[in-house]
Amino acid sequence: MSGRIGARRTSGSGAPAESVAMSPSRALTETRGRAAAAIYGGGG
């Protein structure tokens, strides 16, 4: 749970709201990729 929250914060800082509004699907994919990277990479 905490890992997901951390990933969300990172993705929020990395991807501006504009990008999310432009293409939510892509934003979701990036968020998933970042979350996976955080989980597999150790939150780095």
Protein backbone atom coordinates (compact mmCIF):
# COMPACT_ATOMS: atom_id res chain seq x y z
CA MET A 1 0.00 0.00 0.00
CA SER A 2 2.66 2.48 1.08
CA GLY A 3 4.66 1.57 -2.02
CA ARG A 4 1.75 2.50 -4.26
CA ILE A 5 1.31 5.83 -2.50
CA GLY A 6 5.00 6.62 -2.95
CA ALA A 7 4.80 5.71 -6.63
CA ARG A 8 1.76 7.93 -7.03
CA ARG A 9 3.61 10.88 -5.51
CA THR A 10 6.60 10.31 -7.77
CA SER A 11 4.44 10.02 -10.88
CA GLY A 12 2.54 13.14 -9.84
CA SER A 13 5.76 15.12 -9.63
CA GLY A 14 7.17 13.65 -12.83
CA ALA A 15 4.00 13.90 -14.91
CA PRO A 16 2.12 17.23 -14.75
CA ALA A 17 -1.68 17.34 -14.60
CA GLU A 18 -1.69 18.62 -18.19
CA SER A 19 -0.20 15.36 -19.44
CA VAL A 20 -2.80 13.41 -17.49
CA ALA A 21 -5.62 15.49 -18.94
CA MET A 22 -4.23 15.13 -22.45
CA SER A 23 -3.93 11.35 -22.38
CA PRO A 24 -5.19 9.61 -19.22
CA SER A 25 -4.44 6.21 -20.73
CA ARG A 26 -0.80 7.07 -21.25
CA ALA A 27 -0.61 8.65 -17.81
CA LEU A 28 -1.95 5.44 -16.29
CA THR A 29 0.62 3.41 -18.21
CA GLU A 30 3.44 5.67 -17.01
CA THR A 31 2.16 5.51 -13.43
CA ARG A 32 2.08 1.73 -13.63
CA GLY A 33 5.58 1.63 -15.07
CA ARG A 34 6.88 3.95 -12.36
CA ALA A 35 5.14 1.94 -9.66
CA ALA A 36 6.68 -1.26 -11.01
CA ALA A 37 10.09 0.41 -11.21
CA ALA A 38 9.73 1.58 -7.62
CA ILE A 39 8.71 -1.89 -6.45
CA TYR A 40 11.37 -3.76 -8.44
CA GLY A 41 14.04 -1.07 -8.14
CA GLY A 42 13.43 -0.47 -4.44
CA GLY A 43 11.67 2.89 -4.67
CA GLY A 44 14.58 4.42 -6.57
